[in-house]
Amino acid sequence: MSPAPHALVLRAREALARGDVRSAEAAVDERLKTAGRDINALGVRSFLLQRRGQFGEAARTLQTVIGIDARADWAYHELIQILLAHRRLADAEQVARAGVRANPDNASCHNAFGQLLSEMNDLPSGEWHLRRALTLGDPQPPIYANLALNLTKQGRIEEADGYFAQAHERAPTDAKTLASWAGLHEERGDLPRAHELLDRAEAASSLEEVNLQRASLLSREGRHAEALAIINAGKSLTGEGQLARGRLQERLGCFDAAWQDFVDGKRKIASEAGGLQYRGDAVQGLFSRLKGFFTRDNLHRLPRAQLRADTRQPLFIIGFPRSGTTLVEQILCRHSAIRAGGELPFLSELPKLATDLLPSAESFPENLAQSWTADRSYTATMFRDFYLARGAQHGLGEGVGALFTDRMPFNEVYLPLLKMAFPHAKIVHVVRHPLDVSVSMLANTMTHGLNCGYRIEDITHHLAAVFDLCDHYRHEMELGEYVLHYESLVCDPAEETRKLLDYVGLPLEESCLQASGKLEDRSIDRYEHYARSLQPYASRLSRIMGAYGYS
């Protein structure tokens, strides 16, 4: 617990309450001259630095506070928020873990960690920490709202609606909760309710705060010109706003302007997040090592786990981001025997587990050679049980003989580990024209793929590199995957759904056909509108196009 604030700190806080920033700074500076380790004074300084936009200095000030008092829970929370805002997710994760270790019963730290894990798409783990936060002390409205956002991303709309209602009950005029709640109803298709909640959010904040969401709602109603006018009327445009404007420009047939917005918007987002960059050389280095180790002979030597029949089994949906994997999951999870897992990070955690199990001078994947001996052949079973334990922890294990989906983007990078843990698992591989995928990745926010989604040259480089790696795997091992073309699913959803379920080994259920319904085909051959801009990069994707029959 922090000591009582010194009189100068109280004076600084009173000055801030009046809006007198200069007096607040003077009082804090005076206090810190004689008491440089006063964490209350340092907390006010951090706030002032953030007001001036000096976020790096503010973060360092909060780190100083934590160094002085490892149980200063508020400092962890503030520091995580700064790091999250600048997309420094790995740094934020380190701070959050330290905060939970320092005080495992602090609701603020669990809330911040849950919010962070949700941002990193580890939704089950994020949910766990947010629920833990609710059980500690007097739960604050933002915790309910953060849990609702997490559940919304998991597709658990009804549960999310209830938690938004609880957040709203505790803070009826909180604009952020109202806007997020409106987003849930937009996703649900209840546009009148979304408009109503957004009106209330605007009344509690300003038009500027909700203009992007308002534009999204109008676009959903086909009112694209009105939506574009709202965005253009704003005083400033974030990277996300520029992407939204680009998508509207596309709907209105202004393709050159749309492309420019996509390019500029992604550049702005990368800059806003602290200068995110794609390291193509590092990706190539990793993929070369994976290809060098996972050869036919080595793959044959690797152990395979036995089927565990006492729990649900994973059903893997692989494919590039924006290729239709979400749609396929929605169709499959309408079946009574399949639960939605969403984007599960468990497979990508296996390399670290391999390092823990098989310590060696050699790193992953070369250290897997140790599993060839009898006393280390348990490695595959440990992979399987680790994965299933992570799933069970989040409620995905119940249901003998049933399935849960895993559609984490770029899971295919670790296909050999998948086959070690689950040699008989069903793998649905969704493919879509790679130029359409490239345009969609550029036009939308995307955090997967080692920062590949911020420039078209990086997108095409990464797609080609992942295809090349997976093509190597397919030549060296039998995957037993089912290839589903997105375009075929859109053109004949009923027939493709029947064939999909037949591969999975389940009888057709009418609910799955209702999920596929009548799908829009406007996203097919979308790339043709941007052929000139894509031309310098299209040759990189020629092998993918040839492999899957695209011209």
Protein backbone atom coordinates (compact mmCIF):
# COMPACT_ATOMS: atom_id res chain seq x y z
CA MET A 1 0.00 0.00 0.00
CA SER A 2 1.42 3.40 -0.95
CA PRO A 3 2.30 5.87 1.83
CA ALA A 4 0.08 8.91 2.27
CA PRO A 5 0.85 11.57 -0.35
CA HIS A 6 3.09 14.46 0.70
CA ALA A 7 1.57 17.94 0.80
CA LEU A 8 3.33 18.90 -2.45
CA VAL A 9 1.87 15.84 -4.19
CA LEU A 10 -1.60 16.78 -2.93
CA ARG A 11 -1.02 20.31 -4.25
CA ALA A 12 -0.07 18.86 -7.65
CA ARG A 13 -3.19 16.73 -7.78
CA GLU A 14 -5.39 19.69 -6.83
CA ALA A 15 -3.75 21.75 -9.58
CA LEU A 16 -4.46 19.00 -12.10
CA ALA A 17 -8.09 18.90 -11.00
CA ARG A 18 -8.29 22.63 -11.82
CA GLY A 19 -6.55 22.09 -15.15
CA ASP A 20 -3.47 24.01 -13.99
CA VAL A 21 -0.78 21.78 -15.48
CA ARG A 22 2.08 24.23 -14.93
CA SER A 23 1.44 24.43 -11.18
CA ALA A 24 1.15 20.65 -10.97
CA GLU A 25 4.52 20.20 -12.69
CA ALA A 26 6.15 22.75 -10.41
CA ALA A 27 4.86 21.04 -7.26
CA VAL A 28 5.99 17.59 -8.40
CA ASP A 29 9.43 18.84 -9.45
CA GLU A 30 9.87 20.50 -6.06
CA ARG A 31 8.94 17.29 -4.24
CA LEU A 32 11.20 15.07 -6.33
CA LYS A 33 14.23 17.33 -5.75
CA THR A 34 14.30 16.22 -2.13
CA ALA A 35 12.46 12.88 -2.36
CA GLY A 36 13.31 11.25 -5.67
CA ARG A 37 11.85 7.91 -4.55
CA ASP A 38 8.38 9.24 -3.66
CA ILE A 39 6.21 6.91 -5.72
CA ASN A 40 3.16 9.16 -5.41
CA ALA A 41 5.09 12.06 -6.91
CA LEU A 42 6.49 9.81 -9.62
CA GLY A 43 2.95 8.67 -10.40
CA VAL A 44 1.84 12.26 -10.98
CA ARG A 45 4.94 12.89 -13.10
CA SER A 46 4.08 9.85 -15.25
CA PHE A 47 0.59 11.22 -15.78
CA LEU A 48 1.96 14.63 -16.78
CA LEU A 49 4.42 13.02 -19.20
CA GLN A 50 1.59 11.11 -20.84
CA ARG A 51 -0.39 14.34 -21.22
CA ARG A 52 2.59 15.81 -23.08
CA GLY A 53 2.80 12.76 -25.32
CA GLN A 54 6.13 11.66 -23.84
CA PHE A 55 5.06 8.04 -23.47
CA GLY A 56 8.57 6.60 -23.40
CA GLU A 57 9.53 8.83 -20.46
CA ALA A 58 6.24 8.02 -18.74
CA ALA A 59 6.92 4.28 -19.12
CA ARG A 60 10.43 4.65 -17.68
CA THR A 61 9.01 6.61 -14.74
CA LEU A 62 6.55 3.81 -13.99
CA GLN A 63 9.35 1.26 -14.23
CA THR A 64 11.19 3.31 -11.60
CA VAL A 65 8.12 3.14 -9.36
CA ILE A 66 7.98 -0.65 -9.73
CA GLY A 67 11.68 -0.87 -8.92
CA ILE A 68 11.05 1.05 -5.70
CA ASP A 69 7.87 -0.83 -4.74
CA ALA A 70 7.25 -4.17 -6.47
CA ARG A 71 3.68 -4.18 -5.09
CA ALA A 72 2.68 -0.81 -6.58
CA ASP A 73 -0.22 -2.39 -8.45
CA TRP A 74 -1.39 0.86 -10.03
CA ALA A 75 2.03 1.31 -11.67
CA TYR A 76 1.85 -2.10 -13.35
CA HIS A 77 -1.62 -1.26 -14.64
CA GLU A 78 -0.59 2.14 -16.02
CA LEU A 79 2.57 0.76 -17.62
CA ILE A 80 0.69 -2.08 -19.30
CA GLN A 81 -1.83 0.39 -20.73
CA ILE A 82 0.98 2.49 -22.25
CA LEU A 83 2.66 -0.57 -23.75
CA LEU A 84 -0.65 -1.88 -25.08
CA ALA A 85 -1.45 1.44 -26.72
CA HIS A 86 1.88 1.30 -28.55
CA ARG A 87 1.51 -2.39 -29.46
CA ARG A 88 4.57 -3.41 -27.45
CA LEU A 89 2.83 -6.64 -26.55
CA ALA A 90 5.88 -8.67 -25.55
CA ASP A 91 7.01 -5.94 -23.14
CA ALA A 92 3.50 -5.60 -21.77
CA GLU A 93 3.35 -9.35 -21.18
CA GLN A 94 6.56 -9.28 -19.13
CA VAL A 95 5.21 -6.44 -16.97
CA ALA A 96 1.84 -8.18 -16.51
CA ARG A 97 3.44 -11.45 -15.44
CA ALA A 98 5.66 -9.58 -12.99
CA GLY A 99 2.62 -7.78 -11.59
CA VAL A 100 0.68 -11.00 -11.03
CA ARG A 101 3.72 -12.61 -9.39
CA ALA A 102 4.21 -9.60 -7.10
CA ASN A 103 0.57 -9.60 -6.01
CA PRO A 104 -1.42 -12.62 -7.24
CA ASP A 105 -4.59 -11.33 -5.55
CA ASN A 106 -4.65 -7.93 -7.22
CA ALA A 107 -7.69 -7.50 -9.46
CA SER A 108 -6.12 -4.64 -11.41
CA CYS A 109 -3.16 -6.78 -12.51
CA HIS A 110 -5.38 -9.70 -13.50
CA ASN A 111 -7.61 -7.31 -15.46
CA ALA A 112 -4.63 -5.80 -17.27
CA PHE A 113 -3.17 -9.25 -17.99
CA GLY A 114 -6.53 -10.51 -19.24
CA GLN A 115 -6.90 -7.48 -21.49
CA LEU A 116 -3.38 -8.04 -22.83
CA LEU A 117 -3.90 -11.74 -23.53
CA SER A 118 -7.14 -10.88 -25.32
CA GLU A 119 -5.23 -8.38 -27.45
CA MET A 120 -2.73 -11.16 -28.24
CA ASN A 121 -5.62 -13.45 -29.29
CA ASP A 122 -5.03 -15.88 -26.43
CA LEU A 123 -8.72 -15.51 -25.65
CA PRO A 124 -9.18 -18.49 -23.29
CA SER A 125 -6.29 -17.37 -21.08
CA GLY A 126 -7.49 -13.77 -21.23
CA GLU A 127 -10.95 -14.89 -20.13
CA TRP A 128 -9.44 -16.79 -17.18
CA HIS A 129 -7.60 -13.74 -15.84
CA LEU A 130 -10.59 -11.44 -16.36
CA ARG A 131 -12.84 -13.84 -14.45
CA ARG A 132 -10.19 -14.02 -11.74
CA ALA A 133 -10.24 -10.22 -11.53
CA LEU A 134 -14.01 -10.31 -10.99
CA THR A 135 -13.60 -12.57 -7.96
CA LEU A 136 -11.07 -10.29 -6.24
CA GLY A 137 -12.39 -7.34 -4.29
CA ASP A 138 -15.09 -5.02 -5.62
CA PRO A 139 -15.25 -5.64 -9.40
CA GLN A 140 -14.97 -2.45 -11.41
CA PRO A 141 -17.04 -1.75 -14.57
CA PRO A 142 -14.04 -1.96 -16.95
CA ILE A 143 -13.45 -5.58 -15.91
CA TYR A 144 -16.98 -6.53 -16.95
CA ALA A 145 -16.53 -4.63 -20.22
CA ASN A 146 -13.16 -6.27 -20.95
CA LEU A 147 -14.62 -9.73 -20.31
CA ALA A 148 -17.53 -8.89 -22.60
CA LEU A 149 -15.11 -7.86 -25.37
CA ASN A 150 -13.16 -11.09 -24.91
CA LEU A 151 -16.32 -13.21 -25.14
CA THR A 152 -17.46 -11.26 -28.20
CA LYS A 153 -14.19 -12.13 -29.96
CA GLN A 154 -14.81 -15.78 -29.03
CA GLY A 155 -18.24 -15.61 -30.65
CA ARG A 156 -20.04 -16.11 -27.31
CA ILE A 157 -22.42 -13.26 -27.99
CA GLU A 158 -25.14 -14.00 -25.46
CA GLU A 159 -22.67 -14.23 -22.57
CA ALA A 160 -20.93 -11.07 -23.74
CA ASP A 161 -24.24 -9.19 -23.86
CA GLY A 162 -24.86 -10.02 -20.20
CA TYR A 163 -21.47 -8.73 -19.10
CA PHE A 164 -21.89 -5.52 -21.10
CA ALA A 165 -25.20 -5.04 -19.30
CA GLN A 166 -23.46 -5.44 -15.94
CA ALA A 167 -20.74 -2.98 -16.92
CA HIS A 168 -23.40 -0.51 -18.05
CA GLU A 169 -25.39 -0.95 -14.84
CA ARG A 170 -22.33 0.04 -12.80
CA ALA A 171 -21.28 2.92 -15.08
CA PRO A 172 -24.32 4.07 -17.14
CA THR A 173 -22.52 6.95 -18.87
CA ASP A 174 -19.27 5.19 -19.77
CA ALA A 175 -18.87 5.92 -23.49
CA LYS A 176 -16.35 3.14 -24.12
CA THR A 177 -18.70 0.48 -22.75
CA LEU A 178 -21.64 1.85 -24.72
CA ALA A 179 -19.62 1.93 -27.95
CA SER A 180 -18.30 -1.61 -27.44
CA TRP A 181 -21.80 -2.82 -26.64
CA ALA A 182 -23.00 -1.20 -29.86
CA GLY A 183 -20.29 -3.15 -31.70
CA LEU A 184 -21.66 -6.41 -30.30
CA HIS A 185 -25.15 -5.61 -31.57
CA GLU A 186 -23.73 -4.62 -34.94
CA GLU A 187 -22.06 -8.03 -35.16
CA ARG A 188 -25.30 -9.66 -34.10
CA GLY A 189 -27.11 -7.82 -36.90
CA ASP A 190 -29.35 -5.79 -34.58
CA LEU A 191 -28.53 -2.45 -36.21
CA PRO A 192 -31.32 -0.38 -34.58
CA ARG A 193 -30.04 -1.37 -31.12
CA ALA A 194 -26.48 -0.64 -32.22
CA HIS A 195 -27.52 2.85 -33.37
CA GLU A 196 -29.31 3.47 -30.07
CA LEU A 197 -26.27 2.52 -27.99
CA LEU A 198 -23.97 4.53 -30.22
CA ASP A 199 -26.22 7.59 -29.82
CA ARG A 200 -25.82 7.26 -26.07
CA ALA A 201 -22.05 6.82 -26.41
CA GLU A 202 -21.89 9.99 -28.51
CA ALA A 203 -23.92 11.90 -25.92
CA ALA A 204 -21.47 10.77 -23.25
CA SER A 205 -18.40 11.72 -25.30
CA SER A 206 -18.43 13.37 -28.72
CA LEU A 207 -19.17 12.73 -32.38
CA GLU A 208 -15.43 12.47 -33.03
CA GLU A 209 -15.14 9.57 -30.59
CA VAL A 210 -17.74 7.42 -32.34
CA ASN A 211 -17.49 8.49 -35.97
CA LEU A 212 -15.66 5.35 -37.15
CA GLN A 213 -18.20 3.07 -35.53
CA ARG A 214 -21.05 5.19 -36.89
CA ALA A 215 -19.56 4.90 -40.35
CA SER A 216 -19.32 1.13 -39.96
CA LEU A 217 -22.99 0.92 -39.04
CA LEU A 218 -24.05 3.05 -41.99
CA SER A 219 -21.93 0.95 -44.32
CA ARG A 220 -23.62 -2.21 -43.01
CA GLU A 221 -26.89 -0.59 -44.10
CA GLY A 222 -25.51 0.12 -47.57
CA ARG A 223 -25.17 3.86 -46.89
CA HIS A 224 -21.56 4.03 -47.99
CA ALA A 225 -21.49 7.65 -49.14
CA GLU A 226 -22.91 8.85 -45.82
CA ALA A 227 -20.37 6.73 -43.95
CA LEU A 228 -17.51 8.19 -45.99
CA ALA A 229 -18.74 11.73 -45.34
CA ILE A 230 -18.68 11.10 -41.58
CA ILE A 231 -15.10 9.85 -41.68
CA ASN A 232 -13.96 12.74 -43.89
CA ALA A 233 -15.57 15.24 -41.52
CA GLY A 234 -13.31 14.17 -38.66
CA LYS A 235 -10.52 16.41 -37.48
CA SER A 236 -7.91 13.68 -37.67
CA LEU A 237 -7.68 10.15 -39.00
CA THR A 238 -5.96 7.27 -37.24
CA GLY A 239 -4.51 4.34 -39.11
CA GLU A 240 -7.64 2.31 -38.35
CA GLY A 241 -9.74 5.19 -39.63
CA GLN A 242 -7.79 5.30 -42.86
CA LEU A 243 -8.35 1.57 -43.42
CA ALA A 244 -12.07 2.07 -42.80
CA ARG A 245 -12.12 4.93 -45.30
CA GLY A 246 -10.29 2.78 -47.83
CA ARG A 247 -12.88 0.01 -47.53
CA LEU A 248 -15.63 2.58 -48.11
CA GLN A 249 -13.78 4.02 -51.11
CA GLU A 250 -13.69 0.50 -52.51
CA ARG A 251 -17.44 0.04 -52.03
CA LEU A 252 -17.96 3.27 -53.95
CA GLY A 253 -15.68 2.17 -56.80
CA CYS A 254 -12.81 4.57 -56.02
CA PHE A 255 -10.12 1.91 -56.15
CA ASP A 256 -7.01 4.08 -56.52
CA ALA A 257 -8.04 6.12 -53.48
CA ALA A 258 -8.87 2.93 -51.59
CA TRP A 259 -5.46 1.42 -52.25
CA GLN A 260 -3.71 4.59 -51.10
CA ASP A 261 -5.72 4.55 -47.89
CA PHE A 262 -4.81 0.91 -47.28
CA VAL A 263 -1.11 1.61 -47.78
CA ASP A 264 -1.08 4.82 -45.73
CA GLY A 265 -3.33 3.40 -43.04
CA LYS A 266 -1.10 0.39 -42.47
CA ARG A 267 2.01 2.58 -42.43
CA LYS A 268 0.34 4.78 -39.83
CA ILE A 269 -0.72 1.81 -37.66
CA ALA A 270 2.82 0.40 -37.70
CA SER A 271 4.18 3.81 -36.71
CA GLU A 272 1.55 4.34 -34.00
CA ALA A 273 2.57 0.97 -32.52
CA GLY A 274 6.18 2.03 -32.14
CA GLY A 275 7.54 1.29 -35.62
CA LEU A 276 6.58 -2.35 -36.19
CA GLN A 277 8.69 -4.07 -38.84
CA TYR A 278 8.67 -7.41 -40.62
CA ARG A 279 12.00 -9.24 -40.51
CA GLY A 280 11.98 -11.23 -43.72
CA ASP A 281 15.56 -12.42 -43.19
CA ALA A 282 14.70 -13.83 -39.75
CA VAL A 283 11.63 -15.59 -41.17
CA GLN A 284 13.69 -17.13 -43.95
CA GLY A 285 16.30 -18.24 -41.45
CA LEU A 286 13.74 -19.97 -39.24
CA PHE A 287 11.95 -21.60 -42.17
CA SER A 288 15.25 -22.84 -43.59
CA ARG A 289 16.07 -24.53 -40.30
CA LEU A 290 12.58 -26.09 -40.15
CA LYS A 291 13.01 -27.47 -43.68
CA GLY A 292 16.51 -28.65 -42.87
CA PHE A 293 15.39 -30.67 -39.86
CA PHE A 294 11.93 -31.87 -40.86
CA THR A 295 13.00 -34.20 -43.68
CA ARG A 296 11.34 -37.50 -44.52
CA ASP A 297 13.91 -39.54 -42.60
CA ASN A 298 13.78 -37.34 -39.51
CA LEU A 299 10.00 -37.14 -39.55
CA HIS A 300 9.85 -40.94 -39.71
CA ARG A 301 12.01 -41.12 -36.56
CA LEU A 302 9.87 -38.71 -34.54
CA PRO A 303 7.50 -40.36 -32.02
CA ARG A 304 3.73 -40.19 -32.42
CA ALA A 305 1.25 -39.92 -29.56
CA GLN A 306 -1.61 -42.38 -29.16
CA LEU A 307 -5.22 -41.20 -29.37
CA ARG A 308 -6.70 -40.14 -26.07
CA ALA A 309 -10.34 -41.16 -26.32
CA ASP A 310 -11.45 -39.60 -23.03
CA THR A 311 -11.79 -36.07 -24.32
CA ARG A 312 -12.78 -33.92 -27.27
CA GLN A 313 -10.27 -33.89 -30.10
CA PRO A 314 -8.97 -30.85 -31.99
CA LEU A 315 -10.10 -30.23 -35.54
CA PHE A 316 -7.54 -28.00 -37.24
CA ILE A 317 -8.59 -25.35 -39.76
CA ILE A 318 -5.50 -23.99 -41.49
CA GLY A 319 -5.03 -21.44 -44.24
CA PHE A 320 -3.79 -17.91 -44.74
CA PRO A 321 -5.47 -15.11 -42.75
CA ARG A 322 -8.50 -13.70 -44.62
CA SER A 323 -8.84 -16.93 -46.61
CA GLY A 324 -12.20 -17.98 -45.16
CA THR A 325 -11.14 -19.97 -42.11
CA THR A 326 -13.56 -18.06 -39.86
CA LEU A 327 -16.46 -18.83 -42.18
CA VAL A 328 -15.55 -22.51 -42.25
CA GLU A 329 -15.36 -22.59 -38.45
CA GLN A 330 -18.80 -20.97 -38.21
CA ILE A 331 -20.27 -23.64 -40.47
CA LEU A 332 -18.61 -26.52 -38.64
CA CYS A 333 -19.52 -25.24 -35.20
CA ARG A 334 -23.21 -25.22 -35.99
CA HIS A 335 -22.90 -29.01 -35.77
CA SER A 336 -23.95 -30.47 -32.43
CA ALA A 337 -20.67 -32.43 -32.10
CA ILE A 338 -18.28 -29.50 -32.65
CA ARG A 339 -17.40 -26.64 -30.33
CA ALA A 340 -15.73 -23.43 -31.45
CA GLY A 341 -12.18 -23.04 -30.17
CA GLY A 342 -11.29 -20.04 -32.30
CA GLU A 343 -7.68 -18.90 -32.54
CA LEU A 344 -5.92 -21.17 -30.05
CA PRO A 345 -2.20 -20.47 -29.43
CA PHE A 346 -1.47 -23.94 -28.08
CA LEU A 347 0.32 -25.37 -31.11
CA SER A 348 2.70 -22.42 -31.35
CA GLU A 349 3.59 -22.98 -27.68
CA LEU A 350 5.00 -26.45 -28.38
CA PRO A 351 8.47 -25.24 -29.50
CA LYS A 352 8.97 -23.69 -26.05
CA LEU A 353 7.73 -26.90 -24.44
CA ALA A 354 10.23 -28.82 -26.57
CA THR A 355 13.01 -26.59 -25.24
CA ASP A 356 11.85 -27.20 -21.65
CA LEU A 357 11.60 -30.98 -22.17
CA LEU A 358 14.74 -31.41 -24.24
CA PRO A 359 17.39 -28.97 -22.97
CA SER A 360 20.33 -29.02 -25.30
CA ALA A 361 23.10 -26.97 -26.83
CA GLU A 362 20.95 -27.15 -29.95
CA SER A 363 17.74 -25.14 -30.06
CA PHE A 364 14.39 -26.00 -31.63
CA PRO A 365 13.87 -27.78 -33.99
CA GLU A 366 17.23 -29.58 -33.85
CA ASN A 367 16.74 -30.51 -30.18
CA LEU A 368 13.82 -32.76 -31.24
CA ALA A 369 16.44 -35.32 -32.29
CA GLN A 370 16.60 -36.25 -28.60
CA SER A 371 13.06 -37.67 -28.89
CA TRP A 372 14.39 -40.47 -31.10
CA THR A 373 15.67 -42.34 -28.05
CA ALA A 374 13.49 -44.62 -25.94
CA ASP A 375 13.85 -42.54 -22.77
CA ARG A 376 12.75 -39.31 -24.57
CA SER A 377 10.04 -40.74 -26.83
CA TYR A 378 7.46 -39.46 -24.36
CA THR A 379 7.87 -36.05 -26.02
CA ALA A 380 4.97 -36.59 -28.42
CA THR A 381 2.69 -37.67 -25.58
CA MET A 382 3.69 -34.57 -23.61
CA PHE A 383 2.87 -32.41 -26.64
CA ARG A 384 -0.55 -34.05 -26.88
CA ASP A 385 -1.34 -33.78 -23.18
CA PHE A 386 -0.08 -30.20 -22.94
CA TYR A 387 -2.32 -29.17 -25.82
CA LEU A 388 -5.36 -31.01 -24.42
CA ALA A 389 -4.73 -29.66 -20.92
CA ARG A 390 -4.65 -26.11 -22.29
CA GLY A 391 -7.93 -26.82 -24.05
CA ALA A 392 -9.53 -28.41 -20.99
CA GLN A 393 -8.52 -25.45 -18.85
CA HIS A 394 -10.78 -23.34 -21.04
CA GLY A 395 -13.73 -25.70 -21.21
CA LEU A 396 -12.93 -27.35 -24.55
CA GLY A 397 -12.31 -30.85 -23.22
CA GLU A 398 -15.76 -32.11 -22.28
CA GLY A 399 -17.46 -34.39 -24.79
CA VAL A 400 -16.04 -37.82 -25.56
CA GLY A 401 -16.08 -38.51 -29.28
CA ALA A 402 -16.66 -34.85 -30.13
CA LEU A 403 -14.44 -32.12 -31.59
CA PHE A 404 -13.34 -28.55 -31.03
CA THR A 405 -11.89 -26.27 -33.68
CA ASP A 406 -8.50 -24.57 -33.77
CA ARG A 407 -8.09 -21.97 -36.53
CA MET A 408 -5.05 -20.06 -35.35
CA PRO A 409 -3.50 -18.36 -38.41
CA PHE A 410 -0.18 -19.81 -39.54
CA ASN A 411 -0.57 -22.98 -37.45
CA GLU A 412 0.70 -24.74 -40.57
CA VAL A 413 4.24 -23.59 -39.75
CA TYR A 414 4.18 -26.25 -37.02
CA LEU A 415 2.52 -29.08 -38.94
CA PRO A 416 5.20 -31.64 -37.91
CA LEU A 417 4.46 -30.94 -34.24
CA LEU A 418 0.73 -31.23 -34.93
CA LYS A 419 1.30 -34.68 -36.43
CA MET A 420 3.45 -35.74 -33.48
CA ALA A 421 0.72 -34.85 -30.99
CA PHE A 422 -2.33 -35.74 -33.09
CA PRO A 423 -1.29 -38.08 -35.93
CA HIS A 424 -4.89 -38.82 -36.89
CA ALA A 425 -6.32 -35.33 -36.52
CA LYS A 426 -8.54 -33.93 -39.25
CA ILE A 427 -7.02 -30.91 -41.01
CA VAL A 428 -9.19 -28.64 -43.13
CA HIS A 429 -7.04 -26.46 -45.38
CA VAL A 430 -8.93 -23.42 -46.68
CA VAL A 431 -7.43 -21.83 -49.79
CA ARG A 432 -8.38 -18.61 -51.55
CA HIS A 433 -6.82 -16.73 -54.44
CA PRO A 434 -3.58 -15.42 -52.88
CA LEU A 435 -3.97 -12.00 -54.49
CA ASP A 436 -7.42 -11.66 -52.91
CA VAL A 437 -5.88 -12.73 -49.61
CA SER A 438 -3.14 -10.12 -50.02
CA VAL A 439 -5.60 -7.30 -50.66
CA SER A 440 -7.74 -8.33 -47.70
CA MET A 441 -4.73 -8.55 -45.39
CA LEU A 442 -3.66 -5.06 -46.42
CA ALA A 443 -7.17 -3.65 -46.02
CA ASN A 444 -7.77 -5.00 -42.51
CA THR A 445 -6.07 -5.01 -39.14
CA MET A 446 -4.00 -8.15 -38.67
CA THR A 447 -1.62 -8.99 -35.84
CA HIS A 448 -0.48 -12.46 -36.96
CA GLY A 449 2.50 -13.39 -39.09
CA LEU A 450 5.41 -11.63 -37.37
CA ASN A 451 4.27 -8.14 -38.44
CA CYS A 452 3.90 -9.17 -42.09
CA GLY A 453 0.58 -7.38 -42.58
CA TYR A 454 1.71 -3.75 -42.75
CA ARG A 455 3.15 -3.59 -46.29
CA ILE A 456 2.09 -5.40 -49.44
CA GLU A 457 5.69 -6.46 -50.13
CA ASP A 458 5.87 -8.11 -46.68
CA ILE A 459 2.46 -9.75 -47.08
CA THR A 460 3.39 -11.38 -50.37
CA HIS A 461 6.83 -12.34 -49.05
CA HIS A 462 5.34 -14.08 -46.02
CA LEU A 463 2.59 -15.87 -47.93
CA ALA A 464 5.17 -17.21 -50.39
CA ALA A 465 7.52 -18.25 -47.58
CA VAL A 466 4.79 -20.10 -45.65
CA PHE A 467 3.59 -21.83 -48.81
CA ASP A 468 7.14 -22.90 -49.62
CA LEU A 469 7.60 -24.32 -46.11
CA CYS A 470 4.29 -26.18 -46.19
CA ASP A 471 4.97 -27.46 -49.69
CA HIS A 472 8.17 -28.95 -48.26
CA TYR A 473 6.18 -30.59 -45.47
CA ARG A 474 3.72 -32.09 -47.95
CA HIS A 475 6.56 -33.66 -49.92
CA GLU A 476 8.15 -35.10 -46.77
CA MET A 477 5.08 -36.36 -44.86
CA GLU A 478 1.48 -37.46 -45.30
CA LEU A 479 -0.89 -34.82 -43.92
CA GLY A 480 -4.27 -36.25 -44.86
CA GLU A 481 -5.66 -32.74 -45.15
CA TYR A 482 -8.88 -31.71 -46.90
CA VAL A 483 -8.44 -28.77 -49.27
CA LEU A 484 -11.48 -26.48 -49.46
CA HIS A 485 -11.54 -23.60 -51.94
CA TYR A 486 -13.19 -20.48 -50.56
CA GLU A 487 -14.58 -19.63 -53.99
CA SER A 488 -16.27 -23.05 -54.27
CA LEU A 489 -17.81 -22.62 -50.83
CA VAL A 490 -19.24 -19.23 -51.79
CA CYS A 491 -20.62 -20.50 -55.11
CA ASP A 492 -22.15 -23.74 -53.80
CA PRO A 493 -22.26 -23.63 -49.98
CA ALA A 494 -24.65 -26.58 -49.57
CA GLU A 495 -22.57 -29.03 -51.59
CA GLU A 496 -19.26 -27.90 -50.10
CA THR A 497 -20.69 -28.13 -46.59
CA ARG A 498 -21.81 -31.71 -47.24
CA LYS A 499 -18.37 -32.69 -48.51
CA LEU A 500 -16.68 -30.94 -45.59
CA LEU A 501 -18.71 -32.81 -42.98
CA ASP A 502 -18.18 -36.06 -44.84
CA TYR A 503 -14.42 -35.57 -44.51
CA VAL A 504 -14.75 -34.77 -40.81
CA GLY A 505 -16.79 -37.94 -40.39
CA LEU A 506 -20.01 -36.40 -39.14
CA PRO A 507 -23.56 -36.57 -40.51
CA LEU A 508 -25.00 -33.47 -42.12
CA GLU A 509 -27.12 -31.28 -39.85
CA GLU A 510 -29.50 -28.65 -41.19
CA SER A 511 -28.03 -26.00 -38.90
CA CYS A 512 -24.72 -26.22 -40.79
CA LEU A 513 -26.49 -25.47 -44.07
CA GLN A 514 -28.21 -22.50 -42.44
CA ALA A 515 -24.84 -21.20 -41.31
CA SER A 516 -23.44 -21.28 -44.83
CA GLY A 517 -26.65 -19.85 -46.30
CA LYS A 518 -26.30 -17.58 -49.32
CA LEU A 519 -22.87 -16.01 -49.28
CA GLU A 520 -21.87 -12.82 -51.06
CA ASP A 521 -19.45 -13.27 -53.95
CA ARG A 522 -18.21 -9.68 -54.19
CA SER A 523 -14.96 -10.66 -52.44
CA ILE A 524 -14.08 -13.10 -55.24
CA ASP A 525 -11.56 -11.63 -57.71
CA ARG A 526 -11.39 -8.48 -55.63
CA TYR A 527 -7.73 -8.21 -56.59
CA GLU A 528 -8.64 -7.29 -60.18
CA HIS A 529 -9.48 -3.76 -59.02
CA TYR A 530 -5.89 -3.39 -57.83
CA ALA A 531 -4.05 -5.27 -60.58
CA ARG A 532 -1.71 -2.39 -61.37
CA SER A 533 -0.67 -1.90 -57.72
CA LEU A 534 -0.25 -5.65 -57.21
CA GLN A 535 1.69 -6.25 -60.42
CA PRO A 536 5.20 -5.82 -58.92
CA TYR A 537 4.45 -8.50 -56.31
CA ALA A 538 2.19 -10.95 -58.11
CA SER A 539 5.06 -13.10 -59.39
CA ARG A 540 5.97 -14.01 -55.80
CA LEU A 541 2.63 -15.80 -55.51
CA SER A 542 2.76 -17.65 -58.83
CA ARG A 543 3.65 -21.00 -57.23
CA ILE A 544 0.65 -20.75 -54.90
CA MET A 545 -1.64 -19.88 -57.78
CA GLY A 546 -0.36 -22.77 -59.84
CA ALA A 547 -0.68 -25.25 -56.99
CA TYR A 548 -4.34 -24.46 -56.37
CA GLY A 549 -5.53 -23.74 -59.90
CA TYR A 550 -5.69 -19.94 -59.83
CA SER A 551 -4.75 -17.93 -62.88
